[in-house]
Full PDB file with SEQRES, HELIX, SHEET, SSBOND, CRYST1, ORIGX, SCALE, CONECT and MASTER records, all heavy atoms in Angstrom:
SEQRES   1 A   41  LEU ILE LEU MET ASN GLY ALA GLU GLY SER ARG TYR GLU          
SEQRES   2 A   41  ASN ALA ARG GLN GLN ILE THR ALA PHE VAL THR GLU ARG          
SEQRES   3 A   41  VAL GLU GLU GLU MET LEU PRO LYS LEU PRO ALA GLY MET          
SEQRES   4 A   41  ARG GLY                                                      
HELIX    1 AA1 ILE A    2  ASN A    5  1                                   4    
HELIX    2 AA2 ALA A   15  ARG A   26  1                                  12    
HELIX    3 AA3 VAL A   27  MET A   31  3                                   5    
HELIX    4 AA4 LEU A   32  LYS A   34  5                                   3    
HELIX    5 AA5 ALA A   37  MET A   39  5                                   3    
CRYST1    1.000    1.000    1.000  90.00  90.00  90.00 P 1           1          
ORIGX1      1.000000  0.000000  0.000000        0.00000                         
ORIGX2      0.000000  1.000000  0.000000        0.00000                         
ORIGX3      0.000000  0.000000  1.000000        0.00000                         
SCALE1      1.000000  0.000000  0.000000        0.00000                         
SCALE2      0.000000  1.000000  0.000000        0.00000                         
SCALE3      0.000000  0.000000  1.000000        0.00000                         
ATOM      1  N   LEU A   1    -151.157 140.440 113.096  1.00  0.00           N  
ATOM      2  CA  LEU A   1    -151.646 139.663 111.927  1.00  0.00           C  
ATOM      3  C   LEU A   1    -150.555 139.431 110.942  1.00  0.00           C  
ATOM      4  O   LEU A   1    -150.504 138.410 110.390  1.00  0.00           O  
ATOM      5  CB  LEU A   1    -152.935 140.193 111.394  1.00  0.00           C  
ATOM      6  CG  LEU A   1    -154.185 140.182 112.427  1.00  0.00           C  
ATOM      7  CD1 LEU A   1    -155.275 140.886 111.789  1.00  0.00           C  
ATOM      8  CD2 LEU A   1    -154.472 138.721 112.815  1.00  0.00           C  
ATOM      9  N   ILE A   2    -149.734 140.473 110.710  1.00  0.00           N  
ATOM     10  CA  ILE A   2    -148.582 140.364 109.759  1.00  0.00           C  
ATOM     11  C   ILE A   2    -147.690 139.273 110.320  1.00  0.00           C  
ATOM     12  O   ILE A   2    -147.133 138.380 109.588  1.00  0.00           O  
ATOM     13  CB  ILE A   2    -147.898 141.650 109.553  1.00  0.00           C  
ATOM     14  CG1 ILE A   2    -148.702 142.595 108.721  1.00  0.00           C  
ATOM     15  CG2 ILE A   2    -146.509 141.404 108.931  1.00  0.00           C  
ATOM     16  CD1 ILE A   2    -148.216 144.092 108.777  1.00  0.00           C  
ATOM     17  N   LEU A   3    -147.343 139.366 111.616  1.00  0.00           N  
ATOM     18  CA  LEU A   3    -146.491 138.345 112.230  1.00  0.00           C  
ATOM     19  C   LEU A   3    -147.001 136.892 112.177  1.00  0.00           C  
ATOM     20  O   LEU A   3    -146.254 135.947 111.916  1.00  0.00           O  
ATOM     21  CB  LEU A   3    -146.196 138.715 113.745  1.00  0.00           C  
ATOM     22  CG  LEU A   3    -145.161 139.820 113.966  1.00  0.00           C  
ATOM     23  CD1 LEU A   3    -145.343 140.228 115.412  1.00  0.00           C  
ATOM     24  CD2 LEU A   3    -143.771 139.328 113.659  1.00  0.00           C  
ATOM     25  N   MET A   4    -148.292 136.753 112.433  1.00  0.00           N  
ATOM     26  CA  MET A   4    -148.828 135.433 112.368  1.00  0.00           C  
ATOM     27  C   MET A   4    -149.184 134.837 110.941  1.00  0.00           C  
ATOM     28  O   MET A   4    -149.109 133.621 110.739  1.00  0.00           O  
ATOM     29  CB  MET A   4    -150.186 135.442 113.158  1.00  0.00           C  
ATOM     30  CG  MET A   4    -150.006 135.684 114.656  1.00  0.00           C  
ATOM     31  SD  MET A   4    -148.969 134.507 115.442  1.00  0.00           S  
ATOM     32  CE  MET A   4    -147.518 135.530 115.660  1.00  0.00           C  
ATOM     33  N   ASN A   5    -149.444 135.657 110.056  1.00  0.00           N  
ATOM     34  CA  ASN A   5    -149.907 135.311 108.737  1.00  0.00           C  
ATOM     35  C   ASN A   5    -149.113 135.803 107.499  1.00  0.00           C  
ATOM     36  O   ASN A   5    -149.354 135.257 106.341  1.00  0.00           O  
ATOM     37  CB  ASN A   5    -151.440 135.643 108.568  1.00  0.00           C  
ATOM     38  CG  ASN A   5    -152.209 135.063 109.663  1.00  0.00           C  
ATOM     39  OD1 ASN A   5    -152.163 133.962 109.990  1.00  0.00           O  
ATOM     40  ND2 ASN A   5    -153.194 135.918 110.194  1.00  0.00           N  
ATOM     41  N   GLY A   6    -148.342 136.749 107.692  1.00  0.00           N  
ATOM     42  CA  GLY A   6    -147.718 137.381 106.464  1.00  0.00           C  
ATOM     43  C   GLY A   6    -146.292 137.543 106.438  1.00  0.00           C  
ATOM     44  O   GLY A   6    -145.771 138.332 105.620  1.00  0.00           O  
ATOM     45  N   ALA A   7    -145.525 136.775 107.387  1.00  0.00           N  
ATOM     46  CA  ALA A   7    -144.079 137.143 107.444  1.00  0.00           C  
ATOM     47  C   ALA A   7    -143.286 136.055 106.844  1.00  0.00           C  
ATOM     48  O   ALA A   7    -142.050 135.970 107.005  1.00  0.00           O  
ATOM     49  CB  ALA A   7    -143.746 137.291 108.931  1.00  0.00           C  
ATOM     50  N   GLU A   8    -143.934 135.131 106.134  1.00  0.00           N  
ATOM     51  CA  GLU A   8    -143.132 133.977 105.467  1.00  0.00           C  
ATOM     52  C   GLU A   8    -142.082 134.537 104.628  1.00  0.00           C  
ATOM     53  O   GLU A   8    -142.318 135.436 103.719  1.00  0.00           O  
ATOM     54  CB  GLU A   8    -144.050 133.090 104.713  1.00  0.00           C  
ATOM     55  CG  GLU A   8    -143.408 131.805 104.115  1.00  0.00           C  
ATOM     56  CD  GLU A   8    -144.347 130.997 103.310  1.00  0.00           C  
ATOM     57  OE1 GLU A   8    -145.527 130.715 103.853  1.00  0.00           O  
ATOM     58  OE2 GLU A   8    -143.982 130.469 102.342  1.00  0.00           O  
ATOM     59  N   GLY A   9    -140.850 134.074 104.688  1.00  0.00           N  
ATOM     60  CA  GLY A   9    -139.698 134.492 103.887  1.00  0.00           C  
ATOM     61  C   GLY A   9    -138.859 135.580 104.562  1.00  0.00           C  
ATOM     62  O   GLY A   9    -137.900 136.011 104.041  1.00  0.00           O  
ATOM     63  N   SER A  10    -139.339 136.034 105.745  1.00  0.00           N  
ATOM     64  CA  SER A  10    -138.632 137.036 106.550  1.00  0.00           C  
ATOM     65  C   SER A  10    -138.041 136.426 107.781  1.00  0.00           C  
ATOM     66  O   SER A  10    -138.322 135.247 108.048  1.00  0.00           O  
ATOM     67  CB  SER A  10    -139.600 138.207 106.931  1.00  0.00           C  
ATOM     68  OG  SER A  10    -140.337 137.788 108.021  1.00  0.00           O  
ATOM     69  N   ARG A  11    -137.343 137.251 108.532  1.00  0.00           N  
ATOM     70  CA  ARG A  11    -136.717 136.707 109.656  1.00  0.00           C  
ATOM     71  C   ARG A  11    -137.784 136.469 110.809  1.00  0.00           C  
ATOM     72  O   ARG A  11    -137.464 135.998 111.857  1.00  0.00           O  
ATOM     73  CB  ARG A  11    -135.654 137.680 110.274  1.00  0.00           C  
ATOM     74  CG  ARG A  11    -136.000 138.886 110.797  1.00  0.00           C  
ATOM     75  CD  ARG A  11    -134.827 139.800 111.059  1.00  0.00           C  
ATOM     76  NE  ARG A  11    -135.140 141.014 111.819  1.00  0.00           N  
ATOM     77  CZ  ARG A  11    -134.868 141.169 113.124  1.00  0.00           C  
ATOM     78  NH1 ARG A  11    -134.252 140.243 113.837  1.00  0.00           N  
ATOM     79  NH2 ARG A  11    -135.253 142.281 113.695  1.00  0.00           N  
ATOM     80  N   TYR A  12    -138.939 137.008 110.567  1.00  0.00           N  
ATOM     81  CA  TYR A  12    -140.082 136.859 111.563  1.00  0.00           C  
ATOM     82  C   TYR A  12    -140.963 135.643 111.191  1.00  0.00           C  
ATOM     83  O   TYR A  12    -142.046 135.418 111.794  1.00  0.00           O  
ATOM     84  CB  TYR A  12    -140.926 138.122 111.518  1.00  0.00           C  
ATOM     85  CG  TYR A  12    -140.189 139.390 112.062  1.00  0.00           C  
ATOM     86  CD1 TYR A  12    -139.654 140.168 111.255  1.00  0.00           C  
ATOM     87  CD2 TYR A  12    -140.046 139.501 113.415  1.00  0.00           C  
ATOM     88  CE1 TYR A  12    -138.900 141.307 111.689  1.00  0.00           C  
ATOM     89  CE2 TYR A  12    -139.320 140.466 113.956  1.00  0.00           C  
ATOM     90  CZ  TYR A  12    -138.683 141.448 113.094  1.00  0.00           C  
ATOM     91  OH  TYR A  12    -138.041 142.517 113.565  1.00  0.00           O  
ATOM     92  N   GLU A  13    -140.585 134.885 110.131  1.00  0.00           N  
ATOM     93  CA  GLU A  13    -141.556 133.784 109.852  1.00  0.00           C  
ATOM     94  C   GLU A  13    -141.713 132.729 110.880  1.00  0.00           C  
ATOM     95  O   GLU A  13    -142.638 132.043 110.799  1.00  0.00           O  
ATOM     96  CB  GLU A  13    -141.008 133.066 108.435  1.00  0.00           C  
ATOM     97  CG  GLU A  13    -139.684 132.360 108.647  1.00  0.00           C  
ATOM     98  CD  GLU A  13    -139.328 131.711 107.227  1.00  0.00           C  
ATOM     99  OE1 GLU A  13    -140.042 131.787 106.321  1.00  0.00           O  
ATOM    100  OE2 GLU A  13    -138.160 131.237 107.243  1.00  0.00           O  
ATOM    101  N   ASN A  14    -140.859 132.801 111.937  1.00  0.00           N  
ATOM    102  CA  ASN A  14    -141.066 131.834 113.036  1.00  0.00           C  
ATOM    103  C   ASN A  14    -141.547 132.553 114.257  1.00  0.00           C  
ATOM    104  O   ASN A  14    -141.373 132.046 115.384  1.00  0.00           O  
ATOM    105  CB  ASN A  14    -139.623 131.176 113.391  1.00  0.00           C  
ATOM    106  CG  ASN A  14    -139.169 130.202 112.123  1.00  0.00           C  
ATOM    107  OD1 ASN A  14    -140.016 129.550 111.623  1.00  0.00           O  
ATOM    108  ND2 ASN A  14    -137.980 130.321 111.810  1.00  0.00           N  
ATOM    109  N   ALA A  15    -142.184 133.628 114.061  1.00  0.00           N  
ATOM    110  CA  ALA A  15    -142.798 134.379 115.187  1.00  0.00           C  
ATOM    111  C   ALA A  15    -143.704 133.561 116.138  1.00  0.00           C  
ATOM    112  O   ALA A  15    -143.617 133.619 117.304  1.00  0.00           O  
ATOM    113  CB  ALA A  15    -143.448 135.646 114.711  1.00  0.00           C  
ATOM    114  N   ARG A  16    -144.565 132.800 115.453  1.00  0.00           N  
ATOM    115  CA  ARG A  16    -145.522 131.922 116.221  1.00  0.00           C  
ATOM    116  C   ARG A  16    -144.705 130.949 117.134  1.00  0.00           C  
ATOM    117  O   ARG A  16    -144.994 130.817 118.324  1.00  0.00           O  
ATOM    118  CB  ARG A  16    -146.360 131.219 115.248  1.00  0.00           C  
ATOM    119  CG  ARG A  16    -147.547 130.454 115.951  1.00  0.00           C  
ATOM    120  CD  ARG A  16    -148.462 129.804 115.021  1.00  0.00           C  
ATOM    121  NE  ARG A  16    -149.290 130.669 114.176  1.00  0.00           N  
ATOM    122  CZ  ARG A  16    -150.544 130.799 114.354  1.00  0.00           C  
ATOM    123  NH1 ARG A  16    -151.304 130.087 115.067  1.00  0.00           N  
ATOM    124  NH2 ARG A  16    -151.294 131.683 113.512  1.00  0.00           N  
ATOM    125  N   GLN A  17    -143.663 130.383 116.599  1.00  0.00           N  
ATOM    126  CA  GLN A  17    -142.923 129.371 117.361  1.00  0.00           C  
ATOM    127  C   GLN A  17    -142.104 130.137 118.466  1.00  0.00           C  
ATOM    128  O   GLN A  17    -141.913 129.608 119.556  1.00  0.00           O  
ATOM    129  CB  GLN A  17    -141.846 128.722 116.556  1.00  0.00           C  
ATOM    130  CG  GLN A  17    -142.438 127.655 115.540  1.00  0.00           C  
ATOM    131  CD  GLN A  17    -142.981 128.378 114.129  1.00  0.00           C  
ATOM    132  OE1 GLN A  17    -142.971 129.574 114.081  1.00  0.00           O  
ATOM    133  NE2 GLN A  17    -143.363 127.574 113.241  1.00  0.00           N  
ATOM    134  N   GLN A  18    -141.613 131.421 118.214  1.00  0.00           N  
ATOM    135  CA  GLN A  18    -140.931 132.195 119.314  1.00  0.00           C  
ATOM    136  C   GLN A  18    -141.954 132.475 120.420  1.00  0.00           C  
ATOM    137  O   GLN A  18    -141.547 132.437 121.571  1.00  0.00           O  
ATOM    138  CB  GLN A  18    -140.371 133.443 118.647  1.00  0.00           C  
ATOM    139  CG  GLN A  18    -139.160 133.178 117.778  1.00  0.00           C  
ATOM    140  CD  GLN A  18    -138.669 134.386 117.129  1.00  0.00           C  
ATOM    141  OE1 GLN A  18    -139.490 135.406 116.814  1.00  0.00           O  
ATOM    142  NE2 GLN A  18    -137.475 134.497 116.687  1.00  0.00           N  
ATOM    143  N   ILE A  19    -143.130 132.854 120.061  1.00  0.00           N  
ATOM    144  CA  ILE A  19    -144.127 133.294 121.078  1.00  0.00           C  
ATOM    145  C   ILE A  19    -144.465 131.998 121.865  1.00  0.00           C  
ATOM    146  O   ILE A  19    -144.659 132.011 123.131  1.00  0.00           O  
ATOM    147  CB  ILE A  19    -145.358 133.875 120.407  1.00  0.00           C  
ATOM    148  CG1 ILE A  19    -145.002 135.248 119.780  1.00  0.00           C  
ATOM    149  CG2 ILE A  19    -146.508 133.964 121.356  1.00  0.00           C  
ATOM    150  CD1 ILE A  19    -146.021 135.792 118.941  1.00  0.00           C  
ATOM    151  N   THR A  20    -144.533 130.882 121.150  1.00  0.00           N  
ATOM    152  CA  THR A  20    -144.811 129.575 121.824  1.00  0.00           C  
ATOM    153  C   THR A  20    -143.678 129.216 122.881  1.00  0.00           C  
ATOM    154  O   THR A  20    -144.007 128.789 123.925  1.00  0.00           O  
ATOM    155  CB  THR A  20    -145.099 128.491 120.816  1.00  0.00           C  
ATOM    156  OG1 THR A  20    -146.034 128.757 119.918  1.00  0.00           O  
ATOM    157  CG2 THR A  20    -145.316 127.103 121.462  1.00  0.00           C  
ATOM    158  N   ALA A  21    -142.489 129.485 122.444  1.00  0.00           N  
ATOM    159  CA  ALA A  21    -141.378 129.228 123.368  1.00  0.00           C  
ATOM    160  C   ALA A  21    -141.421 130.137 124.597  1.00  0.00           C  
ATOM    161  O   ALA A  21    -141.199 129.644 125.663  1.00  0.00           O  
ATOM    162  CB  ALA A  21    -140.032 129.476 122.650  1.00  0.00           C  
ATOM    163  N   PHE A  22    -141.873 131.403 124.440  1.00  0.00           N  
ATOM    164  CA  PHE A  22    -142.077 132.233 125.536  1.00  0.00           C  
ATOM    165  C   PHE A  22    -143.107 131.735 126.557  1.00  0.00           C  
ATOM    166  O   PHE A  22    -142.896 131.635 127.802  1.00  0.00           O  
ATOM    167  CB  PHE A  22    -142.539 133.720 125.173  1.00  0.00           C  
ATOM    168  CG  PHE A  22    -141.437 134.518 124.451  1.00  0.00           C  
ATOM    169  CD1 PHE A  22    -141.922 135.484 123.481  1.00  0.00           C  
ATOM    170  CD2 PHE A  22    -140.153 134.419 124.672  1.00  0.00           C  
ATOM    171  CE1 PHE A  22    -140.992 136.277 122.895  1.00  0.00           C  
ATOM    172  CE2 PHE A  22    -139.215 135.195 124.104  1.00  0.00           C  
ATOM    173  CZ  PHE A  22    -139.658 136.156 123.111  1.00  0.00           C  
ATOM    174  N   VAL A  23    -144.191 131.237 125.899  1.00  0.00           N  
ATOM    175  CA  VAL A  23    -145.278 130.762 126.815  1.00  0.00           C  
ATOM    176  C   VAL A  23    -144.890 129.451 127.423  1.00  0.00           C  
ATOM    177  O   VAL A  23    -145.138 129.160 128.561  1.00  0.00           O  
ATOM    178  CB  VAL A  23    -146.629 130.631 125.845  1.00  0.00           C  
ATOM    179  CG1 VAL A  23    -147.674 129.866 126.704  1.00  0.00           C  
ATOM    180  CG2 VAL A  23    -147.121 131.996 125.449  1.00  0.00           C  
ATOM    181  N   THR A  24    -144.183 128.524 126.692  1.00  0.00           N  
ATOM    182  CA  THR A  24    -143.711 127.309 127.194  1.00  0.00           C  
ATOM    183  C   THR A  24    -142.921 127.546 128.486  1.00  0.00           C  
ATOM    184  O   THR A  24    -143.013 126.826 129.428  1.00  0.00           O  
ATOM    185  CB  THR A  24    -142.931 126.496 126.148  1.00  0.00           C  
ATOM    186  OG1 THR A  24    -143.949 126.210 125.111  1.00  0.00           O  
ATOM    187  CG2 THR A  24    -142.429 125.199 126.800  1.00  0.00           C  
ATOM    188  N   GLU A  25    -142.066 128.539 128.406  1.00  0.00           N  
ATOM    189  CA  GLU A  25    -141.172 128.811 129.526  1.00  0.00           C  
ATOM    190  C   GLU A  25    -141.969 129.214 130.752  1.00  0.00           C  
ATOM    191  O   GLU A  25    -141.791 128.737 131.909  1.00  0.00           O  
ATOM    192  CB  GLU A  25    -140.272 129.975 129.114  1.00  0.00           C  
ATOM    193  CG  GLU A  25    -139.194 130.398 130.216  1.00  0.00           C  
ATOM    194  CD  GLU A  25    -138.352 131.604 129.689  1.00  0.00           C  
ATOM    195  OE1 GLU A  25    -137.765 131.341 128.673  1.00  0.00           O  
ATOM    196  OE2 GLU A  25    -138.321 132.619 130.425  1.00  0.00           O  
ATOM    197  N   ARG A  26    -143.034 130.015 130.503  1.00  0.00           N  
ATOM    198  CA  ARG A  26    -143.945 130.401 131.667  1.00  0.00           C  
ATOM    199  C   ARG A  26    -144.683 129.190 132.193  1.00  0.00           C  
ATOM    200  O   ARG A  26    -144.831 129.039 133.411  1.00  0.00           O  
ATOM    201  CB  ARG A  26    -144.934 131.446 131.201  1.00  0.00           C  
ATOM    202  CG  ARG A  26    -144.292 132.895 130.969  1.00  0.00           C  
ATOM    203  CD  ARG A  26    -143.828 133.625 132.260  1.00  0.00           C  
ATOM    204  NE  ARG A  26    -144.862 133.700 133.291  1.00  0.00           N  
ATOM    205  CZ  ARG A  26    -145.733 134.651 133.340  1.00  0.00           C  
ATOM    206  NH1 ARG A  26    -145.793 135.650 132.424  1.00  0.00           N  
ATOM    207  NH2 ARG A  26    -146.581 134.636 134.404  1.00  0.00           N  
ATOM    208  N   VAL A  27    -145.174 128.311 131.322  1.00  0.00           N  
ATOM    209  CA  VAL A  27    -145.779 127.077 131.795  1.00  0.00           C  
ATOM    210  C   VAL A  27    -144.972 126.270 132.586  1.00  0.00           C  
ATOM    211  O   VAL A  27    -145.394 125.811 133.673  1.00  0.00           O  
ATOM    212  CB  VAL A  27    -146.418 126.367 130.561  1.00  0.00           C  
ATOM    213  CG1 VAL A  27    -146.972 124.998 130.915  1.00  0.00           C  
ATOM    214  CG2 VAL A  27    -147.618 127.129 129.896  1.00  0.00           C  
ATOM    215  N   GLU A  28    -143.732 126.124 132.138  1.00  0.00           N  
ATOM    216  CA  GLU A  28    -142.742 125.261 132.943  1.00  0.00           C  
ATOM    217  C   GLU A  28    -142.386 125.900 134.238  1.00  0.00           C  
ATOM    218  O   GLU A  28    -142.318 125.163 135.251  1.00  0.00           O  
ATOM    219  CB  GLU A  28    -141.465 125.096 132.081  1.00  0.00           C  
ATOM    220  CG  GLU A  28    -141.580 124.228 130.894  1.00  0.00           C  
ATOM    221  CD  GLU A  28    -140.367 124.213 129.993  1.00  0.00           C  
ATOM    222  OE1 GLU A  28    -139.536 125.205 130.079  1.00  0.00           O  
ATOM    223  OE2 GLU A  28    -140.238 123.249 129.192  1.00  0.00           O  
ATOM    224  N   GLU A  29    -142.362 127.233 134.409  1.00  0.00           N  
ATOM    225  CA  GLU A  29    -141.992 127.931 135.541  1.00  0.00           C  
ATOM    226  C   GLU A  29    -143.116 127.897 136.582  1.00  0.00           C  
ATOM    227  O   GLU A  29    -142.963 127.771 137.768  1.00  0.00           O  
ATOM    228  CB  GLU A  29    -141.585 129.257 135.356  1.00  0.00           C  
ATOM    229  CG  GLU A  29    -140.248 129.500 134.627  1.00  0.00           C  
ATOM    230  CD  GLU A  29    -140.010 130.974 134.253  1.00  0.00           C  
ATOM    231  OE1 GLU A  29    -140.816 131.792 134.716  1.00  0.00           O  
ATOM    232  OE2 GLU A  29    -138.937 131.175 133.671  1.00  0.00           O  
ATOM    233  N   GLU A  30    -144.423 128.110 136.071  1.00  0.00           N  
ATOM    234  CA  GLU A  30    -145.510 128.447 136.935  1.00  0.00           C  
ATOM    235  C   GLU A  30    -146.582 127.459 137.103  1.00  0.00           C  
ATOM    236  O   GLU A  30    -147.239 127.332 138.064  1.00  0.00           O  
ATOM    237  CB  GLU A  30    -146.030 129.819 136.628  1.00  0.00           C  
ATOM    238  CG  GLU A  30    -145.104 130.959 136.718  1.00  0.00           C  
ATOM    239  CD  GLU A  30    -145.672 132.284 136.789  1.00  0.00           C  
ATOM    240  OE1 GLU A  30    -146.803 132.462 137.280  1.00  0.00           O  
ATOM    241  OE2 GLU A  30    -144.993 133.120 136.339  1.00  0.00           O  
ATOM    242  N   MET A  31    -146.807 126.635 136.007  1.00  0.00           N  
ATOM    243  CA  MET A  31    -147.849 125.612 135.969  1.00  0.00           C  
ATOM    244  C   MET A  31    -147.357 124.267 136.430  1.00  0.00           C  
ATOM    245  O   MET A  31    -147.994 123.665 137.208  1.00  0.00           O  
ATOM    246  CB  MET A  31    -148.648 125.678 134.683  1.00  0.00           C  
ATOM    247  CG  MET A  31    -149.434 126.938 134.392  1.00  0.00           C  
ATOM    248  SD  MET A  31    -150.145 126.825 132.729  1.00  0.00           S  
ATOM    249  CE  MET A  31    -151.474 125.812 133.007  1.00  0.00           C  
ATOM    250  N   LEU A  32    -146.345 123.848 135.757  1.00  0.00           N  
ATOM    251  CA  LEU A  32    -145.836 122.484 136.014  1.00  0.00           C  
ATOM    252  C   LEU A  32    -145.523 122.214 137.450  1.00  0.00           C  
ATOM    253  O   LEU A  32    -145.862 121.132 138.019  1.00  0.00           O  
ATOM    254  CB  LEU A  32    -144.664 122.051 135.147  1.00  0.00           C  
ATOM    255  CG  LEU A  32    -144.915 121.993 133.610  1.00  0.00           C  
ATOM    256  CD1 LEU A  32    -143.722 121.397 132.897  1.00  0.00           C  
ATOM    257  CD2 LEU A  32    -146.178 121.215 133.340  1.00  0.00           C  
ATOM    258  N   PRO A  33    -144.909 123.061 138.142  1.00  0.00           N  
ATOM    259  CA  PRO A  33    -144.518 122.764 139.610  1.00  0.00           C  
ATOM    260  C   PRO A  33    -145.693 122.576 140.540  1.00  0.00           C  
ATOM    261  O   PRO A  33    -145.696 121.868 141.520  1.00  0.00           O  
ATOM    262  CB  PRO A  33    -143.766 124.072 140.106  1.00  0.00           C  
ATOM    263  CG  PRO A  33    -143.189 124.659 138.843  1.00  0.00           C  
ATOM    264  CD  PRO A  33    -144.245 124.373 137.702  1.00  0.00           C  
ATOM    265  N   LYS A  34    -146.927 123.000 140.003  1.00  0.00           N  
ATOM    266  CA  LYS A  34    -148.138 122.781 140.806  1.00  0.00           C  
ATOM    267  C   LYS A  34    -148.867 121.456 140.550  1.00  0.00           C  
ATOM    268  O   LYS A  34    -149.875 121.189 141.114  1.00  0.00           O  
ATOM    269  CB  LYS A  34    -149.184 124.061 140.590  1.00  0.00           C  
ATOM    270  CG  LYS A  34    -148.523 125.343 140.968  1.00  0.00           C  
ATOM    271  CD  LYS A  34    -149.327 126.475 140.646  1.00  0.00           C  
ATOM    272  CE  LYS A  34    -148.694 127.803 141.062  1.00  0.00           C  
ATOM    273  NZ  LYS A  34    -149.328 128.967 140.591  1.00  0.00           N  
ATOM    274  N   LEU A  35    -148.336 120.823 139.534  1.00  0.00           N  
ATOM    275  CA  LEU A  35    -148.939 119.519 139.138  1.00  0.00           C  
ATOM    276  C   LEU A  35    -148.206 118.340 139.838  1.00  0.00           C  
ATOM    277  O   LEU A  35    -147.117 118.525 140.210  1.00  0.00           O  
ATOM    278  CB  LEU A  35    -148.796 119.371 137.594  1.00  0.00           C  
ATOM    279  CG  LEU A  35    -149.509 120.372 136.687  1.00  0.00           C  
ATOM    280  CD1 LEU A  35    -149.162 120.145 135.318  1.00  0.00           C  
ATOM    281  CD2 LEU A  35    -150.978 120.261 136.985  1.00  0.00           C  
ATOM    282  N   PRO A  36    -148.916 117.152 139.886  1.00  0.00           N  
ATOM    283  CA  PRO A  36    -148.186 116.034 140.468  1.00  0.00           C  
ATOM    284  C   PRO A  36    -146.936 115.720 139.677  1.00  0.00           C  
ATOM    285  O   PRO A  36    -146.847 115.993 138.482  1.00  0.00           O  
ATOM    286  CB  PRO A  36    -149.257 114.835 140.162  1.00  0.00           C  
ATOM    287  CG  PRO A  36    -150.522 115.560 140.056  1.00  0.00           C  
ATOM    288  CD  PRO A  36    -150.292 116.992 139.488  1.00  0.00           C  
ATOM    289  N   ALA A  37    -145.949 115.148 140.298  1.00  0.00           N  
ATOM    290  CA  ALA A  37    -144.553 114.938 139.752  1.00  0.00           C  
ATOM    291  C   ALA A  37    -144.602 114.291 138.339  1.00  0.00           C  
ATOM    292  O   ALA A  37    -143.875 114.575 137.520  1.00  0.00           O  
ATOM    293  CB  ALA A  37    -143.782 114.205 140.690  1.00  0.00           C  
ATOM    294  N   GLY A  38    -145.461 113.266 138.241  1.00  0.00           N  
ATOM    295  CA  GLY A  38    -145.588 112.558 136.960  1.00  0.00           C  
ATOM    296  C   GLY A  38    -146.101 113.344 135.794  1.00  0.00           C  
ATOM    297  O   GLY A  38    -146.029 112.872 134.623  1.00  0.00           O  
ATOM    298  N   MET A  39    -146.571 114.545 136.106  1.00  0.00           N  
ATOM    299  CA  MET A  39    -147.234 115.408 134.948  1.00  0.00           C  
ATOM    300  C   MET A  39    -146.292 116.639 134.607  1.00  0.00           C  
ATOM    301  O   MET A  39    -146.703 117.446 133.840  1.00  0.00           O  
ATOM    302  CB  MET A  39    -148.596 115.899 135.370  1.00  0.00           C  
ATOM    303  CG  MET A  39    -149.572 114.924 135.578  1.00  0.00           C  
ATOM    304  SD  MET A  39    -151.182 115.523 136.198  1.00  0.00           S  
ATOM    305  CE  MET A  39    -151.656 116.557 134.751  1.00  0.00           C  
ATOM    306  N   ARG A  40    -145.066 116.542 134.975  1.00  0.00           N  
ATOM    307  CA  ARG A  40    -144.206 117.781 134.851  1.00  0.00           C  
ATOM    308  C   ARG A  40    -143.279 117.790 133.750  1.00  0.00           C  
ATOM    309  O   ARG A  40    -142.291 118.306 133.786  1.00  0.00           O  
ATOM    310  CB  ARG A  40    -143.423 117.979 136.162  1.00  0.00           C  
ATOM    311  CG  ARG A  40    -144.273 118.313 137.407  1.00  0.00           C  
ATOM    312  CD  ARG A  40    -143.461 118.671 138.556  1.00  0.00           C  
ATOM    313  NE  ARG A  40    -144.384 118.683 139.723  1.00  0.00           N  
ATOM    314  CZ  ARG A  40    -143.952 118.661 140.964  1.00  0.00           C  
ATOM    315  NH1 ARG A  40    -142.716 118.511 141.246  1.00  0.00           N  
ATOM    316  NH2 ARG A  40    -144.789 118.760 141.935  1.00  0.00           N  
ATOM    317  N   GLY A  41    -143.628 117.075 132.663  1.00  0.00           N  
ATOM    318  CA  GLY A  41    -142.716 116.960 131.493  1.00  0.00           C  
ATOM    319  C   GLY A  41    -142.851 118.112 130.523  1.00  0.00           C  
ATOM    320  O   GLY A  41    -143.749 118.901 130.480  1.00  0.00           O  
TER     321      GLY A  41                                                      
MASTER        0    0    0    5    0    0    0    6  320    1    0    4          
END                                                                             
């Protein structure tokens, strides 16, 4: 909760974006290849 709501002004203020980047990488690796080619962006 500190990372998500109380880290503004610290080096962790972008924690939500960093976690999103981790998840995006997994989605690109594991979910997108299973979709039709036109949906893999």
